[in-house]
Amino acid sequence: MELQKIENRAFGPGEKVELDGKSFFNCTFRSCEIVYAGGETLWRCVTWHDCNFKFVGPAKWTVQVLLTLGCVISPPPGQTISCTLIAFENLN
């Protein structure tokens, strides 16, 4: 399956962005809700500012295993994110 390509877009406060099935190039995410369910995604040259990441379904379980193993999730320098684990949330 080919990823839906999204380029040069600024996502703003209150927007819900689902990562699965999409590629993001030169995008900015500010105060957004970012949802990832474990599907294929790609991003290059993006910035995250005050975004809330929600890992749902299979992605939630992967993150839980990584955290149990002692892995640390931290944003790149100068960027802020927060992470929430939610099981089986309906993405529609």
N, C-alpha and C. Protein backbone atom coordinates (compact mmCIF):
# COMPACT_ATOMS: atom_id res chain seq x y z
N MET A 1 0.84 -1.18 0.00
CA MET A 1 0.00 0.00 0.00
C MET A 1 0.88 1.25 0.00
N GLU A 2 0.57 2.20 -0.84
CA GLU A 2 1.31 3.44 -0.89
C GLU A 2 0.79 4.41 0.16
N LEU A 3 1.72 5.08 0.82
CA LEU A 3 1.34 6.04 1.84
C LEU A 3 0.79 7.32 1.22
N GLN A 4 -0.21 7.89 1.87
CA GLN A 4 -0.73 9.20 1.46
C GLN A 4 0.32 10.24 1.82
N LYS A 5 0.77 11.02 0.85
CA LYS A 5 1.84 11.98 1.06
C LYS A 5 1.27 13.36 1.43
N ILE A 6 1.76 13.89 2.56
CA ILE A 6 1.34 15.21 3.03
C ILE A 6 2.61 16.05 3.16
N GLU A 7 2.64 17.19 2.46
CA GLU A 7 3.84 18.03 2.44
C GLU A 7 3.54 19.48 2.82
N ASN A 8 4.51 20.10 3.47
CA ASN A 8 4.48 21.54 3.75
C ASN A 8 3.18 22.00 4.40
N ARG A 9 2.75 21.27 5.40
CA ARG A 9 1.48 21.60 6.06
C ARG A 9 1.73 21.95 7.52
N ALA A 10 1.02 22.91 8.01
CA ALA A 10 1.06 23.27 9.42
C ALA A 10 -0.25 22.81 10.06
N PHE A 11 -0.14 21.92 11.03
CA PHE A 11 -1.30 21.44 11.77
C PHE A 11 -1.39 22.25 13.05
N GLY A 12 -2.59 22.74 13.35
CA GLY A 12 -2.74 23.66 14.47
C GLY A 12 -3.50 23.11 15.65
N PRO A 13 -3.70 23.97 16.65
CA PRO A 13 -4.38 23.57 17.88
C PRO A 13 -5.74 22.94 17.63
N GLY A 14 -5.99 21.88 18.35
CA GLY A 14 -7.27 21.20 18.25
C GLY A 14 -7.39 20.18 17.14
N GLU A 15 -6.41 20.13 16.23
CA GLU A 15 -6.48 19.15 15.14
C GLU A 15 -6.09 17.77 15.63
N LYS A 16 -6.79 16.77 15.12
CA LYS A 16 -6.47 15.37 15.38
C LYS A 16 -5.83 14.82 14.11
N VAL A 17 -4.59 14.33 14.23
CA VAL A 17 -3.86 13.83 13.08
C VAL A 17 -3.55 12.35 13.29
N GLU A 18 -4.05 11.52 12.40
CA GLU A 18 -3.77 10.09 12.46
C GLU A 18 -2.58 9.80 11.56
N LEU A 19 -1.55 9.18 12.12
CA LEU A 19 -0.31 8.93 11.38
C LEU A 19 -0.38 7.74 10.44
N ASP A 20 -1.15 6.72 10.80
CA ASP A 20 -1.18 5.48 10.03
C ASP A 20 -1.53 5.71 8.56
N GLY A 21 -0.71 5.12 7.68
CA GLY A 21 -0.98 5.19 6.25
C GLY A 21 -0.58 6.50 5.58
N LYS A 22 0.17 7.35 6.31
CA LYS A 22 0.54 8.65 5.77
C LYS A 22 2.03 8.91 5.92
N SER A 23 2.56 9.73 4.99
CA SER A 23 3.92 10.24 5.11
C SER A 23 3.85 11.76 5.21
N PHE A 24 4.67 12.31 6.07
CA PHE A 24 4.66 13.75 6.32
C PHE A 24 6.05 14.30 6.03
N PHE A 25 6.13 15.33 5.17
CA PHE A 25 7.38 15.97 4.81
C PHE A 25 7.27 17.47 5.04
N ASN A 26 8.24 18.03 5.76
CA ASN A 26 8.26 19.48 6.03
C ASN A 26 6.96 19.98 6.65
N CYS A 27 6.50 19.29 7.67
CA CYS A 27 5.26 19.67 8.35
C CYS A 27 5.56 20.14 9.77
N THR A 28 4.67 20.97 10.29
CA THR A 28 4.75 21.44 11.67
C THR A 28 3.47 21.03 12.38
N PHE A 29 3.63 20.49 13.58
CA PHE A 29 2.51 20.08 14.40
C PHE A 29 2.55 20.90 15.68
N ARG A 30 1.51 21.69 15.94
CA ARG A 30 1.48 22.55 17.12
C ARG A 30 0.17 22.33 17.87
N SER A 31 0.32 21.88 19.13
CA SER A 31 -0.83 21.66 20.02
C SER A 31 -1.87 20.73 19.38
N CYS A 32 -1.39 19.68 18.73
CA CYS A 32 -2.27 18.72 18.06
C CYS A 32 -2.40 17.44 18.88
N GLU A 33 -3.42 16.69 18.56
CA GLU A 33 -3.55 15.33 19.07
C GLU A 33 -3.05 14.42 17.94
N ILE A 34 -1.98 13.68 18.20
CA ILE A 34 -1.37 12.79 17.23
C ILE A 34 -1.72 11.36 17.62
N VAL A 35 -2.38 10.62 16.72
CA VAL A 35 -2.83 9.26 17.02
C VAL A 35 -2.06 8.27 16.15
N TYR A 36 -1.48 7.26 16.80
CA TYR A 36 -0.76 6.22 16.07
C TYR A 36 -1.25 4.85 16.55
N ALA A 37 -1.67 4.01 15.58
CA ALA A 37 -2.24 2.70 15.91
C ALA A 37 -1.33 1.54 15.51
N GLY A 38 -0.15 1.82 14.99
CA GLY A 38 0.77 0.73 14.67
C GLY A 38 0.97 0.48 13.19
N GLY A 39 0.30 1.23 12.33
CA GLY A 39 0.43 1.04 10.89
C GLY A 39 1.66 1.75 10.34
N GLU A 40 1.90 1.55 9.05
CA GLU A 40 3.06 2.17 8.41
C GLU A 40 2.89 3.69 8.36
N THR A 41 3.96 4.39 8.68
CA THR A 41 3.97 5.85 8.62
C THR A 41 5.42 6.30 8.42
N LEU A 42 5.58 7.51 7.96
CA LEU A 42 6.90 8.05 7.73
C LEU A 42 6.84 9.55 7.91
N TRP A 43 7.88 10.15 8.52
CA TRP A 43 7.95 11.59 8.58
C TRP A 43 9.40 12.04 8.50
N ARG A 44 9.59 13.14 7.78
CA ARG A 44 10.92 13.73 7.58
C ARG A 44 10.79 15.25 7.70
N CYS A 45 11.74 15.84 8.37
CA CYS A 45 11.78 17.31 8.52
C CYS A 45 10.48 17.84 9.10
N VAL A 46 10.05 17.26 10.22
CA VAL A 46 8.85 17.74 10.90
C VAL A 46 9.23 18.26 12.28
N THR A 47 8.39 19.14 12.82
CA THR A 47 8.58 19.62 14.19
C THR A 47 7.30 19.42 14.98
N TRP A 48 7.47 19.11 16.25
CA TRP A 48 6.36 18.86 17.17
C TRP A 48 6.45 19.90 18.28
N HIS A 49 5.37 20.61 18.56
CA HIS A 49 5.34 21.59 19.64
C HIS A 49 4.07 21.39 20.45
N ASP A 50 4.22 21.01 21.70
CA ASP A 50 3.08 20.83 22.62
C ASP A 50 2.03 19.87 22.08
N CYS A 51 2.47 18.79 21.46
CA CYS A 51 1.54 17.79 20.92
C CYS A 51 1.31 16.67 21.92
N ASN A 52 0.12 16.09 21.86
CA ASN A 52 -0.22 14.95 22.68
C ASN A 52 -0.29 13.72 21.77
N PHE A 53 0.62 12.78 21.98
CA PHE A 53 0.62 11.53 21.20
C PHE A 53 -0.24 10.50 21.90
N LYS A 54 -1.14 9.88 21.15
CA LYS A 54 -1.94 8.77 21.66
C LYS A 54 -1.57 7.52 20.89
N PHE A 55 -1.08 6.53 21.60
CA PHE A 55 -0.75 5.24 21.01
C PHE A 55 -1.91 4.30 21.33
N VAL A 56 -2.55 3.78 20.29
CA VAL A 56 -3.75 2.97 20.46
C VAL A 56 -3.55 1.60 19.83
N GLY A 57 -4.41 0.64 20.22
CA GLY A 57 -4.36 -0.70 19.63
C GLY A 57 -2.99 -1.32 19.75
N PRO A 58 -2.47 -1.93 18.67
CA PRO A 58 -1.16 -2.60 18.71
C PRO A 58 -0.01 -1.66 19.08
N ALA A 59 -0.07 -0.41 18.69
CA ALA A 59 1.00 0.54 19.04
C ALA A 59 1.07 0.74 20.55
N LYS A 60 -0.08 0.75 21.20
CA LYS A 60 -0.12 0.92 22.66
C LYS A 60 0.63 -0.21 23.34
N TRP A 61 0.42 -1.42 22.87
CA TRP A 61 1.08 -2.57 23.51
C TRP A 61 2.58 -2.57 23.23
N THR A 62 2.98 -2.14 22.06
CA THR A 62 4.41 -2.05 21.74
C THR A 62 5.09 -1.04 22.66
N VAL A 63 4.47 0.11 22.85
CA VAL A 63 5.04 1.14 23.72
C VAL A 63 5.12 0.62 25.15
N GLN A 64 4.09 -0.09 25.61
CA GLN A 64 4.11 -0.63 26.97
C GLN A 64 5.26 -1.62 27.15
N VAL A 65 5.50 -2.47 26.17
CA VAL A 65 6.63 -3.41 26.26
C VAL A 65 7.95 -2.65 26.32
N LEU A 66 8.12 -1.66 25.46
CA LEU A 66 9.35 -0.87 25.46
C LEU A 66 9.57 -0.15 26.80
N LEU A 67 8.52 0.42 27.37
CA LEU A 67 8.64 1.08 28.66
C LEU A 67 8.99 0.07 29.76
N THR A 68 8.39 -1.12 29.71
CA THR A 68 8.69 -2.16 30.68
C THR A 68 10.16 -2.57 30.60
N LEU A 69 10.72 -2.55 29.39
CA LEU A 69 12.13 -2.90 29.19
C LEU A 69 13.07 -1.76 29.59
N GLY A 70 12.50 -0.61 29.98
CA GLY A 70 13.32 0.50 30.44
C GLY A 70 13.63 1.54 29.38
N CYS A 71 13.01 1.43 28.22
CA CYS A 71 13.23 2.44 27.18
C CYS A 71 12.59 3.76 27.60
N VAL A 72 13.20 4.84 27.19
CA VAL A 72 12.71 6.17 27.54
C VAL A 72 12.22 6.86 26.27
N ILE A 73 11.04 7.45 26.36
CA ILE A 73 10.49 8.22 25.24
C ILE A 73 10.70 9.68 25.57
N SER A 74 11.48 10.36 24.73
CA SER A 74 11.70 11.78 24.96
C SER A 74 11.73 12.52 23.62
N PRO A 75 11.26 13.76 23.63
CA PRO A 75 11.23 14.53 22.38
C PRO A 75 12.62 15.02 22.00
N PRO A 76 12.80 15.38 20.73
CA PRO A 76 14.06 16.01 20.32
C PRO A 76 14.25 17.33 21.06
N PRO A 77 15.49 17.81 21.17
CA PRO A 77 15.74 19.09 21.86
C PRO A 77 14.90 20.22 21.27
N GLY A 78 14.29 21.01 22.15
CA GLY A 78 13.51 22.16 21.71
C GLY A 78 12.09 21.84 21.29
N GLN A 79 11.69 20.57 21.36
CA GLN A 79 10.34 20.18 20.98
C GLN A 79 9.65 19.55 22.19
N THR A 80 8.34 19.72 22.28
CA THR A 80 7.61 19.19 23.42
C THR A 80 6.47 18.28 22.96
N ILE A 81 6.40 17.13 23.58
CA ILE A 81 5.30 16.19 23.31
C ILE A 81 4.90 15.55 24.63
N SER A 82 3.73 14.98 24.65
CA SER A 82 3.33 14.14 25.77
C SER A 82 2.71 12.88 25.17
N CYS A 83 2.78 11.80 25.91
CA CYS A 83 2.31 10.51 25.39
C CYS A 83 1.21 9.95 26.27
N THR A 84 0.21 9.37 25.63
CA THR A 84 -0.89 8.73 26.32
C THR A 84 -1.10 7.35 25.71
N LEU A 85 -1.28 6.34 26.55
CA LEU A 85 -1.55 4.99 26.06
C LEU A 85 -3.03 4.70 26.22
N ILE A 86 -3.69 4.40 25.11
CA ILE A 86 -5.12 4.11 25.13
C ILE A 86 -5.35 2.82 24.36
N ALA A 87 -6.03 1.88 24.97
CA ALA A 87 -6.28 0.60 24.33
C ALA A 87 -7.58 0.63 23.53
N PHE A 88 -7.51 0.14 22.31
CA PHE A 88 -8.69 -0.14 21.50
C PHE A 88 -9.61 1.05 21.30
N GLU A 89 -9.06 2.25 21.21
CA GLU A 89 -9.88 3.41 20.92
C GLU A 89 -10.33 3.35 19.47
N ASN A 90 -11.57 3.67 19.22
CA ASN A 90 -12.09 3.71 17.86
C ASN A 90 -11.54 4.93 17.15
N LEU A 91 -10.87 4.72 16.01
CA LEU A 91 -10.23 5.83 15.30
C LEU A 91 -11.16 6.53 14.33
N ASN A 92 -12.39 6.11 14.19
CA ASN A 92 -13.31 6.74 13.23
C ASN A 92 -14.01 7.93 13.83
